[in-house]
C-alpha cells in the first residue's frame, strides 16, 4: 500500500506539473539548462542539403543515402568474400 501512495503522489505531481525534476516540457520551471530542440532546421541545414544536390525539404536520411553516390574515394575492390573462407 505504501508504494501506491508514492505512485499516487507522483502521478498527481505530474498532472499538476509540479515534479521537482526537470523533464523538459513536463516541468519547464524545473529545467536549469534547456537543451536544443531537435528538428530539421538544426539537424540538416538547407545549405548542407544543397551541397549534395538535395532540396531544402531533404532530411538527414536523404544526405546519408546520397553520400555513397557522390563520394569518389579512389578505392578499388581487390578481393571480396563470396563464401566463408574463399576469395574471389
N, C-alpha and C. Protein backbone atom coordinates (compact mmCIF):
# COMPACT_ATOMS: atom_id res chain seq x y z
N UNK A 1 0.83 -1.20 0.00
CA UNK A 1 0.00 0.00 0.00
C UNK A 1 0.87 1.26 0.00
N UNK A 2 2.02 1.16 0.65
CA UNK A 2 2.89 2.33 0.72
C UNK A 2 3.36 2.77 -0.67
N UNK A 3 3.70 1.79 -1.55
CA UNK A 3 4.13 2.12 -2.91
C UNK A 3 3.01 2.81 -3.68
N UNK A 4 1.78 2.39 -3.45
CA UNK A 4 0.65 3.00 -4.13
C UNK A 4 0.51 4.46 -3.73
N UNK A 5 0.78 4.77 -2.47
CA UNK A 5 0.71 6.16 -2.02
C UNK A 5 1.79 6.99 -2.71
N UNK A 6 2.98 6.43 -2.83
CA UNK A 6 4.06 7.15 -3.51
C UNK A 6 3.71 7.37 -4.98
N UNK A 7 3.17 6.34 -5.62
CA UNK A 7 2.80 6.48 -7.02
C UNK A 7 1.69 7.52 -7.19
N UNK A 8 0.71 7.48 -6.31
CA UNK A 8 -0.38 8.45 -6.40
C UNK A 8 0.15 9.87 -6.27
N UNK A 9 1.08 10.08 -5.34
CA UNK A 9 1.66 11.41 -5.16
C UNK A 9 2.46 11.82 -6.40
N UNK A 10 3.20 10.86 -6.96
CA UNK A 10 3.97 11.14 -8.17
C UNK A 10 3.03 11.50 -9.33
N UNK A 11 1.99 10.69 -9.49
CA UNK A 11 1.05 10.93 -10.58
C UNK A 11 0.37 12.29 -10.43
N UNK A 12 0.01 12.64 -9.21
CA UNK A 12 -0.64 13.93 -9.01
C UNK A 12 0.32 15.08 -9.28
N UNK A 13 1.57 14.94 -8.87
CA UNK A 13 2.58 15.98 -9.15
C UNK A 13 2.78 16.12 -10.66
N UNK A 14 2.75 15.00 -11.36
CA UNK A 14 2.89 15.03 -12.81
C UNK A 14 1.71 15.76 -13.45
N UNK A 15 0.51 15.44 -12.99
CA UNK A 15 -0.70 16.10 -13.51
C UNK A 15 -0.66 17.60 -13.22
N UNK A 16 -0.19 17.97 -12.03
CA UNK A 16 -0.14 19.37 -11.62
C UNK A 16 1.07 20.11 -12.18
N UNK A 17 1.91 19.40 -12.93
CA UNK A 17 3.16 19.98 -13.45
C UNK A 17 4.03 20.53 -12.32
N UNK A 18 4.15 19.73 -11.28
CA UNK A 18 4.91 20.14 -10.10
C UNK A 18 6.03 19.16 -9.77
N UNK A 19 6.44 18.35 -10.72
CA UNK A 19 7.53 17.41 -10.45
C UNK A 19 8.78 18.20 -10.08
N UNK A 20 9.49 17.77 -9.05
CA UNK A 20 10.69 18.50 -8.64
C UNK A 20 11.92 18.13 -9.47
N UNK A 21 11.72 17.59 -10.64
CA UNK A 21 12.83 17.25 -11.51
C UNK A 21 12.57 17.86 -12.88
N UNK A 22 13.62 18.07 -13.64
CA UNK A 22 13.48 18.68 -14.95
C UNK A 22 13.19 17.66 -16.03
N UNK A 23 11.97 17.54 -16.43
CA UNK A 23 11.59 16.67 -17.54
C UNK A 23 11.10 17.51 -18.70
N UNK A 24 11.86 18.53 -19.02
CA UNK A 24 11.55 19.37 -20.17
C UNK A 24 10.17 19.97 -20.09
N UNK A 25 9.33 19.68 -21.08
CA UNK A 25 8.02 20.33 -21.14
C UNK A 25 7.08 19.90 -20.01
N UNK A 26 7.42 18.80 -19.31
CA UNK A 26 6.57 18.39 -18.20
C UNK A 26 6.69 19.34 -17.01
N UNK A 27 7.83 19.98 -16.86
CA UNK A 27 8.05 20.92 -15.78
C UNK A 27 9.09 21.95 -16.21
N UNK A 28 8.73 22.88 -17.08
CA UNK A 28 9.71 23.85 -17.57
C UNK A 28 10.40 24.63 -16.45
N UNK A 29 9.71 24.87 -15.35
CA UNK A 29 10.33 25.62 -14.25
C UNK A 29 11.44 24.82 -13.58
N UNK A 30 11.40 23.49 -13.71
CA UNK A 30 12.42 22.66 -13.09
C UNK A 30 13.65 22.45 -13.95
N UNK A 31 13.67 22.98 -15.15
CA UNK A 31 14.80 22.81 -16.05
C UNK A 31 15.81 23.92 -15.80
N UNK A 32 17.01 23.52 -15.40
CA UNK A 32 18.05 24.53 -15.15
C UNK A 32 18.76 24.92 -16.44
N UNK A 33 19.03 23.95 -17.30
CA UNK A 33 19.68 24.23 -18.58
C UNK A 33 18.91 23.48 -19.65
N UNK A 34 18.21 24.21 -20.47
CA UNK A 34 17.42 23.58 -21.52
C UNK A 34 18.32 23.18 -22.68
N UNK A 35 18.09 22.00 -23.19
CA UNK A 35 18.83 21.54 -24.35
C UNK A 35 18.24 22.10 -25.63
N UNK A 36 18.89 21.80 -26.72
CA UNK A 36 18.43 22.27 -28.02
C UNK A 36 17.31 21.36 -28.51
N UNK A 37 16.26 21.93 -29.04
CA UNK A 37 15.21 21.14 -29.64
C UNK A 37 15.75 20.47 -30.89
N UNK A 38 15.40 19.21 -31.09
CA UNK A 38 15.81 18.51 -32.30
C UNK A 38 14.75 18.70 -33.36
N UNK A 39 15.15 19.29 -34.46
CA UNK A 39 14.23 19.48 -35.57
C UNK A 39 15.04 19.51 -36.87
N UNK A 40 14.38 19.57 -37.97
CA UNK A 40 15.05 19.54 -39.26
C UNK A 40 16.02 20.71 -39.42
N UNK A 41 15.65 21.86 -38.88
CA UNK A 41 16.48 23.06 -39.03
C UNK A 41 17.86 22.88 -38.42
N UNK A 42 17.95 22.25 -37.24
CA UNK A 42 19.27 22.12 -36.64
C UNK A 42 19.91 20.75 -36.85
N UNK A 43 19.21 19.82 -37.50
CA UNK A 43 19.82 18.54 -37.84
C UNK A 43 20.40 18.54 -39.25
N UNK A 44 19.78 19.29 -40.15
CA UNK A 44 20.28 19.36 -41.52
C UNK A 44 19.96 20.74 -42.09
N UNK A 45 21.00 21.54 -42.22
CA UNK A 45 20.80 22.88 -42.78
C UNK A 45 20.53 22.78 -44.28
N UNK A 46 19.77 23.74 -44.77
CA UNK A 46 19.44 23.76 -46.19
C UNK A 46 20.71 23.84 -47.05
N UNK A 47 21.70 24.60 -46.57
CA UNK A 47 22.95 24.74 -47.32
C UNK A 47 23.68 23.40 -47.42
N UNK A 48 23.62 22.60 -46.36
CA UNK A 48 24.26 21.28 -46.40
C UNK A 48 23.54 20.37 -47.37
N UNK A 49 22.22 20.40 -47.36
CA UNK A 49 21.45 19.59 -48.31
C UNK A 49 21.80 19.98 -49.73
N UNK A 50 21.97 21.27 -49.98
CA UNK A 50 22.30 21.76 -51.32
C UNK A 50 23.66 21.24 -51.78
N UNK A 51 24.60 21.06 -50.85
CA UNK A 51 25.91 20.51 -51.22
C UNK A 51 25.79 19.13 -51.84
N UNK A 52 24.74 18.41 -51.49
CA UNK A 52 24.52 17.07 -52.02
C UNK A 52 23.49 17.07 -53.15
N UNK A 53 23.14 18.26 -53.62
CA UNK A 53 22.18 18.38 -54.71
C UNK A 53 20.76 18.05 -54.28
N UNK A 54 20.48 18.22 -53.01
CA UNK A 54 19.16 17.90 -52.47
C UNK A 54 18.38 19.17 -52.19
N UNK A 55 17.05 19.09 -52.20
CA UNK A 55 16.23 20.27 -51.93
C UNK A 55 16.21 20.62 -50.45
N UNK A 56 15.68 21.78 -50.13
CA UNK A 56 15.60 22.24 -48.75
C UNK A 56 14.70 21.34 -47.90
N UNK A 57 13.88 20.54 -48.52
CA UNK A 57 12.98 19.64 -47.78
C UNK A 57 13.66 18.33 -47.40
N UNK A 58 14.93 18.15 -47.81
CA UNK A 58 15.65 16.91 -47.50
C UNK A 58 15.82 16.73 -46.00
N UNK A 59 15.88 15.49 -45.58
CA UNK A 59 16.11 15.14 -44.18
C UNK A 59 17.46 14.43 -44.09
N UNK A 60 18.02 14.29 -42.88
CA UNK A 60 19.34 13.67 -42.75
C UNK A 60 19.47 12.32 -43.46
N UNK A 61 18.42 11.50 -43.46
CA UNK A 61 18.49 10.21 -44.16
C UNK A 61 18.76 10.39 -45.65
N UNK A 62 18.24 11.46 -46.23
CA UNK A 62 18.46 11.71 -47.66
C UNK A 62 19.94 11.97 -47.94
N UNK A 63 20.58 12.72 -47.06
CA UNK A 63 22.02 13.01 -47.23
C UNK A 63 22.83 11.74 -47.03
N UNK A 64 22.47 10.95 -46.01
CA UNK A 64 23.21 9.71 -45.78
C UNK A 64 23.09 8.77 -46.98
N UNK A 65 21.95 8.75 -47.61
CA UNK A 65 21.76 7.91 -48.80
C UNK A 65 22.54 8.46 -49.99
N UNK A 66 22.76 9.77 -50.05
CA UNK A 66 23.45 10.38 -51.17
C UNK A 66 24.97 10.27 -51.06
N UNK A 67 25.49 10.06 -49.88
CA UNK A 67 26.95 10.06 -49.69
C UNK A 67 27.64 8.99 -50.54
N UNK A 68 27.23 7.73 -50.51
CA UNK A 68 27.95 6.75 -51.32
C UNK A 68 27.90 7.04 -52.82
N UNK A 69 26.87 7.70 -53.28
CA UNK A 69 26.72 8.00 -54.70
C UNK A 69 27.66 9.12 -55.14
N UNK A 70 27.95 10.04 -54.23
CA UNK A 70 28.71 11.21 -54.62
C UNK A 70 30.16 11.22 -54.16
N UNK A 71 30.57 10.23 -53.41
CA UNK A 71 31.93 10.23 -52.89
C UNK A 71 32.81 9.33 -53.76
N UNK A 72 33.83 9.90 -54.34
CA UNK A 72 34.78 9.12 -55.12
C UNK A 72 36.04 9.01 -54.29
N UNK A 73 36.22 7.87 -53.66
CA UNK A 73 37.36 7.69 -52.77
C UNK A 73 38.62 7.29 -53.52
N UNK A 74 38.46 6.84 -54.76
CA UNK A 74 39.63 6.36 -55.50
C UNK A 74 39.99 4.93 -55.11
N UNK A 75 39.22 4.34 -54.23
CA UNK A 75 39.49 2.97 -53.80
C UNK A 75 39.00 2.00 -54.86
N UNK A 76 39.66 0.86 -54.93
CA UNK A 76 39.28 -0.17 -55.89
C UNK A 76 39.17 -1.49 -55.14
N UNK A 77 38.10 -2.23 -55.42
CA UNK A 77 37.91 -3.52 -54.77
C UNK A 77 38.95 -4.50 -55.30
N UNK A 78 39.75 -5.06 -54.40
CA UNK A 78 40.77 -6.03 -54.79
C UNK A 78 40.27 -7.45 -54.64
N UNK A 79 39.62 -7.73 -53.51
CA UNK A 79 39.11 -9.06 -53.24
C UNK A 79 37.83 -8.93 -52.43
N UNK A 80 36.99 -9.93 -52.52
CA UNK A 80 35.80 -9.95 -51.69
C UNK A 80 35.44 -11.39 -51.36
N UNK A 81 34.81 -11.57 -50.22
CA UNK A 81 34.34 -12.90 -49.83
C UNK A 81 33.04 -13.20 -50.52
N UNK A 82 32.95 -14.36 -51.16
CA UNK A 82 31.68 -14.84 -51.69
C UNK A 82 31.08 -15.88 -50.76
N UNK A 83 31.95 -16.73 -50.23
CA UNK A 83 31.55 -17.69 -49.20
C UNK A 83 32.64 -17.71 -48.16
N UNK A 84 32.33 -18.26 -47.02
CA UNK A 84 33.30 -18.30 -45.93
C UNK A 84 34.58 -19.03 -46.35
N UNK A 85 35.70 -18.36 -46.20
CA UNK A 85 37.00 -18.99 -46.44
C UNK A 85 37.55 -18.89 -47.85
N UNK A 86 36.82 -18.31 -48.77
CA UNK A 86 37.35 -18.21 -50.14
C UNK A 86 37.27 -16.76 -50.62
N UNK A 87 38.25 -16.40 -51.40
CA UNK A 87 38.25 -15.08 -52.04
C UNK A 87 37.86 -15.24 -53.49
N UNK A 88 37.31 -14.20 -54.06
CA UNK A 88 37.06 -14.19 -55.49
C UNK A 88 37.87 -13.07 -56.09
